[in-house]
N, C-alpha and C. Protein backbone atom coordinates (compact mmCIF):
# COMPACT_ATOMS: atom_id res chain seq x y z
N MET A 1 17.12 -46.88 8.91
CA MET A 1 16.24 -47.91 9.08
C MET A 1 16.63 -48.85 10.18
N ALA A 2 17.82 -49.27 9.96
CA ALA A 2 18.68 -50.35 10.92
C ALA A 2 18.77 -49.52 12.30
N TRP A 3 18.66 -48.40 12.15
CA TRP A 3 19.36 -47.49 13.78
C TRP A 3 17.56 -47.61 14.37
N MET A 4 16.69 -47.40 13.70
CA MET A 4 15.47 -47.43 14.58
C MET A 4 15.16 -48.53 15.16
N ARG A 5 15.44 -50.02 14.26
CA ARG A 5 15.24 -51.25 14.98
C ARG A 5 16.43 -51.32 16.11
N ARG A 6 17.55 -50.99 16.03
CA ARG A 6 18.35 -51.31 17.24
C ARG A 6 17.82 -50.12 18.21
N TYR A 7 17.34 -49.25 18.03
CA TYR A 7 16.91 -48.45 19.25
C TYR A 7 15.39 -48.84 19.81
N PHE A 8 14.50 -49.33 18.91
CA PHE A 8 13.47 -50.29 19.09
C PHE A 8 13.69 -51.18 20.20
N TRP A 9 14.73 -52.28 19.61
CA TRP A 9 14.95 -53.59 20.49
C TRP A 9 15.49 -53.11 21.78
N THR A 10 16.23 -51.90 21.94
CA THR A 10 17.14 -51.78 23.26
C THR A 10 16.18 -51.12 24.10
N ILE A 11 14.86 -50.61 23.73
CA ILE A 11 13.73 -49.82 24.57
C ILE A 11 13.05 -50.90 24.83
N VAL A 12 12.72 -52.13 24.07
CA VAL A 12 12.13 -53.26 24.39
C VAL A 12 12.87 -54.27 25.44
N TRP A 13 13.83 -54.15 25.16
CA TRP A 13 14.82 -54.67 26.28
C TRP A 13 14.93 -54.24 27.53
N LEU A 14 15.26 -52.83 27.44
CA LEU A 14 15.15 -52.09 28.80
C LEU A 14 13.89 -52.17 29.53
N LEU A 15 12.77 -52.32 29.26
CA LEU A 15 11.45 -52.26 29.77
C LEU A 15 11.11 -53.71 30.49
N THR A 16 11.85 -54.86 29.23
CA THR A 16 11.37 -56.15 29.90
C THR A 16 12.46 -56.95 30.62
N GLY A 17 13.77 -56.56 30.43
CA GLY A 17 14.91 -57.39 31.18
C GLY A 17 15.01 -56.45 32.55
N PRO A 18 15.55 -55.25 32.38
CA PRO A 18 15.86 -54.94 33.78
C PRO A 18 14.03 -54.36 34.49
N GLY A 19 13.12 -54.08 33.71
CA GLY A 19 11.79 -54.32 34.69
C GLY A 19 11.44 -55.70 35.45
N VAL A 20 11.65 -56.72 34.85
CA VAL A 20 11.69 -58.09 35.77
C VAL A 20 12.65 -58.06 36.81
N PHE A 21 13.50 -57.46 36.97
CA PHE A 21 14.66 -57.66 38.11
C PHE A 21 14.37 -56.44 38.76
N LEU A 22 14.06 -55.46 38.49
CA LEU A 22 14.08 -54.41 39.22
C LEU A 22 12.57 -54.03 39.77
N PHE A 23 11.45 -54.26 39.25
CA PHE A 23 10.13 -54.23 39.73
C PHE A 23 9.10 -55.47 39.99
N PHE A 24 9.36 -56.40 39.23
CA PHE A 24 8.46 -57.51 39.28
C PHE A 24 8.88 -58.55 40.41
N VAL A 25 10.43 -58.96 40.24
CA VAL A 25 11.07 -59.56 41.41
C VAL A 25 10.80 -58.95 42.83
N PRO A 26 11.03 -57.74 42.89
CA PRO A 26 11.07 -56.83 44.35
C PRO A 26 9.67 -57.24 45.01
N ARG A 27 8.69 -56.95 44.05
CA ARG A 27 7.23 -56.88 44.24
C ARG A 27 6.72 -58.64 44.80
N TRP A 28 7.38 -59.20 44.03
CA TRP A 28 7.14 -60.94 44.54
C TRP A 28 7.62 -60.92 45.84
N ILE A 29 9.11 -60.68 45.65
CA ILE A 29 9.61 -60.69 47.24
C ILE A 29 8.87 -59.96 48.40
N ALA A 30 8.15 -59.01 48.32
CA ALA A 30 7.55 -58.18 49.16
C ALA A 30 6.47 -59.16 49.37
N SER A 31 5.62 -59.55 48.31
CA SER A 31 4.32 -60.38 48.68
C SER A 31 4.65 -61.47 49.30
N LEU A 32 5.82 -62.11 49.36
CA LEU A 32 6.18 -63.35 49.92
C LEU A 32 6.32 -62.79 51.37
N GLU A 33 6.68 -61.70 51.86
CA GLU A 33 6.82 -61.27 53.17
C GLU A 33 5.56 -60.68 53.71
N GLY A 34 4.62 -60.82 52.86
CA GLY A 34 3.18 -60.26 53.08
C GLY A 34 3.25 -58.67 53.24
N ARG A 35 4.10 -57.88 52.36
CA ARG A 35 4.04 -56.53 52.28
C ARG A 35 3.53 -56.11 51.04
N PRO A 36 2.33 -56.00 50.77
CA PRO A 36 1.82 -55.21 49.68
C PRO A 36 2.54 -53.82 49.68
N LEU A 37 2.73 -53.11 48.61
CA LEU A 37 2.77 -51.63 48.67
C LEU A 37 1.28 -50.78 48.98
N GLU A 38 1.58 -50.33 50.12
CA GLU A 38 0.34 -49.42 50.54
C GLU A 38 1.06 -48.08 51.16
N TRP A 39 0.62 -47.24 50.72
CA TRP A 39 1.15 -45.51 50.91
C TRP A 39 0.53 -45.61 52.09
N ASN A 40 1.79 -45.24 53.27
CA ASN A 40 1.05 -44.75 54.24
C ASN A 40 1.56 -43.23 54.79
N ALA A 41 2.69 -42.58 53.92
CA ALA A 41 3.40 -41.38 54.01
C ALA A 41 4.29 -41.41 55.19
N THR A 42 4.79 -42.66 55.39
CA THR A 42 5.93 -42.63 56.44
C THR A 42 6.97 -41.80 56.17
N PRO A 43 7.86 -41.64 56.77
CA PRO A 43 9.13 -40.91 56.31
C PRO A 43 10.16 -42.08 55.34
N GLN A 44 9.97 -43.17 56.03
CA GLN A 44 10.74 -44.16 55.22
C GLN A 44 10.21 -44.34 53.71
N GLN A 45 8.82 -44.11 53.50
CA GLN A 45 8.29 -44.23 52.15
C GLN A 45 8.58 -43.04 51.34
N TRP A 46 8.71 -41.69 51.93
CA TRP A 46 9.06 -40.82 51.52
C TRP A 46 10.63 -40.61 50.89
N LEU A 47 11.25 -41.26 51.91
CA LEU A 47 12.70 -41.61 51.31
C LEU A 47 12.88 -42.47 50.16
N GLY A 48 11.92 -43.54 50.13
CA GLY A 48 11.57 -44.50 49.03
C GLY A 48 11.23 -43.66 47.54
N LEU A 49 10.53 -42.95 47.94
CA LEU A 49 9.81 -42.19 46.69
C LEU A 49 11.06 -41.20 46.09
N TRP A 50 11.67 -40.47 46.93
CA TRP A 50 12.86 -39.64 46.65
C TRP A 50 13.92 -40.51 45.68
N LEU A 51 14.27 -41.60 46.64
CA LEU A 51 15.08 -42.65 45.82
C LEU A 51 14.63 -43.15 44.29
N LEU A 52 13.51 -43.55 44.73
CA LEU A 52 12.78 -43.75 43.10
C LEU A 52 12.81 -42.72 42.10
N LEU A 53 12.56 -41.99 42.29
CA LEU A 53 12.56 -40.58 41.26
C LEU A 53 14.36 -40.21 40.84
N ASN A 54 14.90 -40.01 42.06
CA ASN A 54 16.56 -39.83 41.64
C ASN A 54 17.18 -41.15 40.92
N GLY A 55 16.74 -42.40 41.33
CA GLY A 55 17.35 -43.28 40.55
C GLY A 55 17.12 -43.70 39.13
N THR A 56 15.63 -43.49 39.06
CA THR A 56 14.96 -43.63 37.74
C THR A 56 15.69 -42.55 36.62
N GLY A 57 15.95 -41.26 37.17
CA GLY A 57 16.66 -40.06 36.60
C GLY A 57 17.62 -40.36 36.22
N LEU A 58 18.42 -40.70 37.16
CA LEU A 58 19.96 -41.04 36.81
C LEU A 58 19.89 -42.01 35.76
N ALA A 59 19.57 -43.17 36.17
CA ALA A 59 19.57 -44.16 35.22
C ALA A 59 18.89 -43.94 33.61
N GLY A 60 17.86 -43.15 33.70
CA GLY A 60 17.59 -42.73 32.05
C GLY A 60 18.51 -41.62 31.66
N TRP A 61 19.04 -40.87 32.71
CA TRP A 61 19.88 -39.88 31.91
C TRP A 61 21.16 -40.44 31.21
N CYS A 62 21.84 -41.72 31.86
CA CYS A 62 22.69 -42.60 31.47
C CYS A 62 22.34 -43.12 30.06
N VAL A 63 21.22 -43.79 30.13
CA VAL A 63 20.68 -44.40 28.80
C VAL A 63 20.59 -43.31 27.60
N LEU A 64 20.13 -42.15 27.94
CA LEU A 64 19.89 -40.92 26.82
C LEU A 64 21.50 -40.55 26.53
N LEU A 65 22.39 -40.46 27.46
CA LEU A 65 23.72 -40.55 27.24
C LEU A 65 24.33 -41.20 26.07
N PHE A 66 24.33 -42.73 26.38
CA PHE A 66 24.43 -43.56 25.60
C PHE A 66 24.24 -43.40 24.23
N PHE A 67 22.95 -43.23 24.00
CA PHE A 67 22.01 -42.88 22.57
C PHE A 67 22.92 -41.80 21.96
N GLY A 68 22.78 -40.53 22.65
CA GLY A 68 23.55 -39.42 22.11
C GLY A 68 24.49 -39.27 21.89
N GLU A 69 25.57 -39.15 23.05
CA GLU A 69 26.68 -39.08 22.92
C GLU A 69 27.77 -40.48 22.42
N GLY A 70 27.02 -41.44 22.71
CA GLY A 70 28.04 -42.68 22.71
C GLY A 70 27.63 -43.33 21.20
N GLU A 71 26.53 -42.61 20.79
CA GLU A 71 26.11 -43.64 19.36
C GLU A 71 25.76 -45.13 19.58
N GLY A 72 25.50 -45.30 20.71
CA GLY A 72 24.86 -46.88 20.94
C GLY A 72 23.88 -47.03 21.93
N THR A 73 23.96 -48.06 22.52
CA THR A 73 22.93 -48.25 23.35
C THR A 73 23.24 -49.05 24.86
N PRO A 74 22.93 -49.36 26.06
CA PRO A 74 23.38 -49.95 26.98
C PRO A 74 23.66 -51.41 26.74
N LEU A 75 23.11 -52.01 25.65
CA LEU A 75 23.15 -53.22 25.52
C LEU A 75 24.53 -53.97 25.35
N PRO A 76 24.98 -54.77 25.69
CA PRO A 76 26.08 -55.24 25.29
C PRO A 76 26.12 -55.69 23.62
N THR A 77 25.63 -56.16 23.35
CA THR A 77 25.26 -56.27 21.68
C THR A 77 25.23 -55.52 20.95
N CYS A 78 25.13 -53.98 21.68
CA CYS A 78 25.50 -52.76 20.64
C CYS A 78 25.67 -51.75 21.71
N PRO A 79 27.06 -51.93 22.13
CA PRO A 79 27.71 -50.79 23.05
C PRO A 79 27.69 -49.59 22.19
N PRO A 80 28.17 -48.54 23.05
CA PRO A 80 28.29 -47.11 22.63
C PRO A 80 29.95 -47.26 21.85
N GLU A 81 29.62 -46.41 20.63
CA GLU A 81 30.93 -46.55 19.57
C GLU A 81 31.58 -45.59 20.23
N ARG A 82 31.04 -44.55 20.79
CA ARG A 82 32.36 -43.47 21.58
C ARG A 82 32.20 -43.43 22.96
N PHE A 83 33.45 -43.19 23.39
CA PHE A 83 33.40 -43.00 24.74
C PHE A 83 32.49 -41.94 25.59
N VAL A 84 31.83 -42.33 26.49
CA VAL A 84 30.74 -41.32 27.22
C VAL A 84 31.70 -40.81 28.49
N ALA A 85 32.16 -39.55 28.61
CA ALA A 85 32.69 -39.35 29.95
C ALA A 85 31.97 -37.66 30.19
N VAL A 86 30.70 -37.79 30.03
CA VAL A 86 30.01 -36.19 30.24
C VAL A 86 28.93 -36.68 31.28
N GLY A 87 28.01 -35.64 31.68
CA GLY A 87 27.32 -36.13 32.74
C GLY A 87 27.77 -36.49 34.12
N PRO A 88 26.93 -37.29 34.25
CA PRO A 88 26.95 -38.04 35.38
C PRO A 88 28.44 -38.96 35.60
N TYR A 89 29.02 -39.32 34.29
CA TYR A 89 30.11 -40.18 33.87
C TYR A 89 31.22 -39.02 34.13
N ARG A 90 31.18 -37.88 34.68
CA ARG A 90 32.34 -36.84 34.82
C ARG A 90 32.47 -37.28 36.78
N TYR A 91 31.77 -37.62 37.25
CA TYR A 91 31.77 -37.69 38.88
C TYR A 91 32.19 -39.37 39.20
N VAL A 92 31.63 -40.16 38.48
CA VAL A 92 31.65 -41.57 38.78
C VAL A 92 31.29 -42.57 37.62
N ARG A 93 32.23 -43.78 37.63
CA ARG A 93 32.21 -44.52 36.29
C ARG A 93 31.05 -45.34 36.28
N ASN A 94 30.34 -45.65 37.14
CA ASN A 94 29.02 -46.50 37.03
C ASN A 94 27.73 -45.84 37.39
N PRO A 95 27.75 -44.86 36.86
CA PRO A 95 26.38 -43.88 37.41
C PRO A 95 24.98 -45.17 36.83
N MET A 96 24.96 -45.43 35.79
CA MET A 96 23.58 -46.49 35.57
C MET A 96 23.52 -47.39 36.47
N ALA A 97 24.33 -47.93 36.92
CA ALA A 97 24.47 -49.36 37.95
C ALA A 97 23.97 -48.46 39.50
N ILE A 98 24.60 -47.48 39.90
CA ILE A 98 23.97 -46.87 40.91
C ILE A 98 22.75 -46.55 40.83
N GLY A 99 22.46 -45.59 39.64
CA GLY A 99 21.15 -45.38 39.67
C GLY A 99 19.62 -46.69 39.78
N LEU A 100 20.08 -47.83 38.87
CA LEU A 100 19.53 -49.24 39.26
C LEU A 100 19.35 -49.77 40.53
N CYS A 101 20.59 -49.30 41.54
CA CYS A 101 20.76 -50.08 42.86
C CYS A 101 20.03 -48.92 43.75
N LEU A 102 19.93 -47.69 43.50
CA LEU A 102 18.81 -46.73 44.07
C LEU A 102 17.39 -47.12 44.12
N LEU A 103 17.11 -47.67 42.80
CA LEU A 103 15.76 -48.17 42.62
C LEU A 103 15.54 -49.20 43.69
N LEU A 104 16.39 -50.40 43.83
CA LEU A 104 15.99 -51.20 44.49
C LEU A 104 16.12 -51.00 45.87
N VAL A 105 16.61 -50.04 46.31
CA VAL A 105 16.78 -49.39 47.68
C VAL A 105 15.61 -48.86 48.21
N ALA A 106 14.82 -47.90 47.21
CA ALA A 106 13.62 -47.35 47.10
C ALA A 106 12.73 -48.08 47.37
N GLU A 107 12.68 -49.33 46.64
CA GLU A 107 11.55 -50.30 46.80
C GLU A 107 11.68 -51.15 48.16
N ALA A 108 12.78 -51.38 48.70
CA ALA A 108 13.00 -51.83 49.92
C ALA A 108 12.36 -50.90 50.93
N CYS A 109 12.49 -49.42 50.89
CA CYS A 109 11.86 -48.58 51.75
C CYS A 109 10.43 -48.54 51.36
N LEU A 110 10.00 -48.63 49.94
CA LEU A 110 8.57 -48.46 49.87
C LEU A 110 7.57 -49.60 50.39
N TYR A 111 8.30 -50.74 50.43
CA TYR A 111 7.49 -51.96 50.69
C TYR A 111 8.18 -52.35 52.33
N SER A 112 8.95 -51.51 52.77
CA SER A 112 9.27 -52.00 54.46
C SER A 112 9.85 -53.50 54.18
N SER A 113 10.82 -53.58 53.07
CA SER A 113 11.08 -55.12 53.18
C SER A 113 12.59 -55.55 53.20
N LEU A 114 12.97 -56.39 54.26
CA LEU A 114 14.22 -56.62 54.21
C LEU A 114 14.50 -57.50 53.45
N GLY A 115 13.80 -58.27 52.90
CA GLY A 115 14.10 -59.33 51.65
C GLY A 115 14.40 -58.54 50.54
N VAL A 116 13.56 -57.38 50.34
CA VAL A 116 13.69 -56.50 48.92
C VAL A 116 15.25 -55.99 49.03
N ALA A 117 15.61 -55.79 50.52
CA ALA A 117 16.72 -54.94 50.71
C ALA A 117 17.87 -56.07 50.28
N LEU A 118 17.87 -57.15 51.02
CA LEU A 118 19.05 -57.99 50.89
C LEU A 118 18.96 -58.44 49.05
N TYR A 119 17.91 -58.69 48.42
CA TYR A 119 18.08 -58.74 47.31
C TYR A 119 18.76 -57.49 46.17
N GLY A 120 18.40 -56.30 46.67
CA GLY A 120 19.32 -55.30 46.31
C GLY A 120 20.89 -55.40 46.63
N LEU A 121 20.86 -55.65 47.86
CA LEU A 121 22.57 -56.19 47.95
C LEU A 121 22.92 -57.18 46.97
N VAL A 122 22.31 -58.18 46.87
CA VAL A 122 22.96 -59.13 45.65
C VAL A 122 22.92 -58.58 44.45
N ILE A 123 21.92 -57.89 44.04
CA ILE A 123 22.24 -57.11 42.72
C ILE A 123 23.27 -56.39 42.55
N PHE A 124 23.45 -55.45 43.68
CA PHE A 124 25.05 -54.90 43.53
C PHE A 124 26.13 -55.64 43.67
N LEU A 125 26.01 -56.74 44.29
CA LEU A 125 27.32 -57.45 44.23
C LEU A 125 27.27 -58.12 42.81
N LEU A 126 26.68 -58.21 42.34
CA LEU A 126 26.76 -58.98 40.97
C LEU A 126 27.03 -57.93 39.70
N ALA A 127 26.18 -56.71 40.10
CA ALA A 127 26.82 -55.83 39.32
C ALA A 127 28.60 -55.30 39.57
N ARG A 128 28.88 -55.28 40.36
CA ARG A 128 30.64 -55.09 40.63
C ARG A 128 31.03 -55.95 40.34
N ALA A 129 30.66 -57.28 40.53
CA ALA A 129 31.71 -58.45 39.84
C ALA A 129 31.45 -58.36 38.20
N PHE A 130 30.38 -58.02 37.67
CA PHE A 130 30.14 -57.81 36.48
C PHE A 130 31.09 -56.49 35.66
N VAL A 131 31.11 -55.47 36.58
CA VAL A 131 32.03 -54.46 35.97
C VAL A 131 33.42 -54.73 36.32
N LEU A 132 33.95 -55.42 37.40
CA LEU A 132 35.38 -55.87 37.19
C LEU A 132 35.62 -56.79 36.64
N ARG A 133 34.91 -57.72 36.23
CA ARG A 133 35.49 -59.15 35.29
C ARG A 133 35.26 -59.09 33.90
N VAL A 134 34.16 -58.14 33.69
CA VAL A 134 33.67 -58.04 32.15
C VAL A 134 33.70 -56.74 31.64
N GLU A 135 33.10 -55.62 32.36
CA GLU A 135 32.93 -54.51 31.67
C GLU A 135 34.43 -53.53 31.51
N GLU A 136 35.35 -53.41 32.78
CA GLU A 136 36.26 -52.82 32.60
C GLU A 136 37.22 -53.29 31.87
N PRO A 137 37.53 -54.67 31.63
CA PRO A 137 38.41 -54.96 30.77
C PRO A 137 38.11 -54.82 29.33
N ASP A 138 36.61 -54.92 29.33
CA ASP A 138 36.07 -54.64 27.81
C ASP A 138 36.44 -53.29 27.23
N LEU A 139 36.28 -52.17 28.12
CA LEU A 139 36.16 -50.88 27.51
C LEU A 139 37.90 -50.75 27.82
N GLU A 140 38.65 -50.93 28.39
CA GLU A 140 40.13 -51.16 28.39
C GLU A 140 40.68 -51.48 27.16
N LYS A 141 40.10 -52.75 26.24
CA LYS A 141 40.17 -53.05 25.45
C LYS A 141 39.59 -52.01 23.99
N ARG A 142 38.37 -51.70 24.34
CA ARG A 142 37.90 -50.88 23.00
C ARG A 142 38.73 -49.40 23.17
N PHE A 143 38.82 -48.95 24.36
CA PHE A 143 39.01 -47.39 24.47
C PHE A 143 40.60 -47.24 24.70
N GLY A 144 41.16 -48.48 25.18
CA GLY A 144 42.71 -48.20 25.40
C GLY A 144 43.07 -47.28 26.44
N PRO A 145 44.06 -46.28 26.01
CA PRO A 145 44.78 -45.42 27.03
C PRO A 145 43.47 -44.40 27.61
N LEU A 146 42.50 -44.05 26.49
CA LEU A 146 41.52 -43.14 27.34
C LEU A 146 40.63 -43.57 28.46
N TYR A 147 40.28 -45.00 28.34
CA TYR A 147 39.68 -45.32 29.31
C TYR A 147 40.59 -45.74 30.78
N CYS A 148 41.96 -46.10 30.55
CA CYS A 148 42.81 -46.05 31.54
C CYS A 148 43.05 -44.98 32.24
N THR A 149 42.81 -43.66 31.35
CA THR A 149 43.21 -42.25 32.21
C THR A 149 41.98 -41.89 33.00
N TYR A 150 40.97 -42.27 32.19
CA TYR A 150 39.37 -42.00 32.84
C TYR A 150 39.31 -42.93 34.39
N LYS A 151 39.87 -44.19 34.32
CA LYS A 151 39.87 -44.83 35.48
C LYS A 151 40.37 -44.24 36.45
N LYS A 152 41.54 -43.69 36.13
CA LYS A 152 42.78 -42.90 37.23
C LYS A 152 41.71 -41.51 37.58
N GLN A 153 41.24 -41.14 36.86
CA GLN A 153 40.63 -39.68 37.31
C GLN A 153 39.18 -40.00 37.82
N VAL A 154 38.49 -40.70 37.83
CA VAL A 154 36.99 -41.01 37.95
C VAL A 154 36.80 -41.90 38.83
N PRO A 155 36.45 -41.87 40.17
CA PRO A 155 36.11 -43.19 41.02
C PRO A 155 34.95 -44.26 40.43
N ARG A 156 34.92 -45.31 40.83
CA ARG A 156 34.26 -46.46 40.37
C ARG A 156 32.96 -46.13 40.83
N TRP A 157 32.31 -46.06 42.02
CA TRP A 157 31.12 -46.09 42.87
C TRP A 157 30.89 -44.94 43.67
N ILE A 158 31.93 -44.29 44.23
CA ILE A 158 31.41 -43.20 45.15
C ILE A 158 31.73 -41.85 44.26
N PRO A 159 30.88 -40.94 43.99
CA PRO A 159 31.06 -39.96 42.90
C PRO A 159 31.83 -38.80 44.05
N HIS A 160 32.57 -38.18 43.10
CA HIS A 160 33.74 -37.24 43.47
C HIS A 160 32.75 -35.92 44.27
N LEU A 161 32.66 -35.35 45.26
CA LEU A 161 32.12 -34.42 45.72
C LEU A 161 32.28 -32.86 45.28
N GLN A 162 33.39 -33.05 44.71
CA GLN A 162 33.78 -31.28 44.23
C GLN A 162 33.37 -31.52 42.58
N GLN A 163 32.83 -30.28 42.51
CA GLN A 163 32.21 -30.30 40.86
C GLN A 163 33.81 -30.31 39.89
N ARG A 164 33.67 -31.13 39.00
CA ARG A 164 34.85 -30.76 38.24
C ARG A 164 34.11 -30.41 36.96
N THR A 165 35.21 -29.36 36.27
CA THR A 165 34.64 -28.75 35.14
C THR A 165 35.17 -29.55 33.86
N ARG A 166 36.31 -30.34 33.96
CA ARG A 166 36.59 -30.80 32.45
C ARG A 166 37.54 -32.04 33.10
N LEU A 167 37.59 -33.11 32.33
CA LEU A 167 38.07 -34.28 32.51
C LEU A 167 39.38 -34.13 31.83
N ASP A 168 40.39 -34.37 32.38
CA ASP A 168 41.88 -34.42 31.50
C ASP A 168 42.10 -35.61 30.67
N LEU A 169 41.26 -35.93 29.89
CA LEU A 169 41.78 -36.98 28.76
C LEU A 169 42.14 -36.81 27.45
């Protein structure tokens, strides 16, 4: 029963916490610029739709991997118990953050909003600072040499372009 409560609150947090920063704040910024979301089927909006679908899929895949493979959640209060280095984590260390940033770039394209683009840049810089100062030291402490080896083999932000069949961990 405790696992159900943990996953319930994780889902509530994922819908409310990131939902505010990923959907309501960009919508508010675009409204301040007088840019309501109107579908005009421009190439920029098609790109935005493509980025929205891919960013959502990537971030969602990462959340599911944390639940299944990691036996935990994306929440700092209930992090994965097992190290996750499968799926997109084989190519880049922060695919969830990349997926969330893709969502913000998508919204900048969909709203045609420079303000939302700048907001996305600020969110990326904050995510980068969090990764460098909080997440990576915590992962080194929790997973030790396993994570240090992973860091040497997998880039932080720009995915490997070649297909990897197995990490040497």
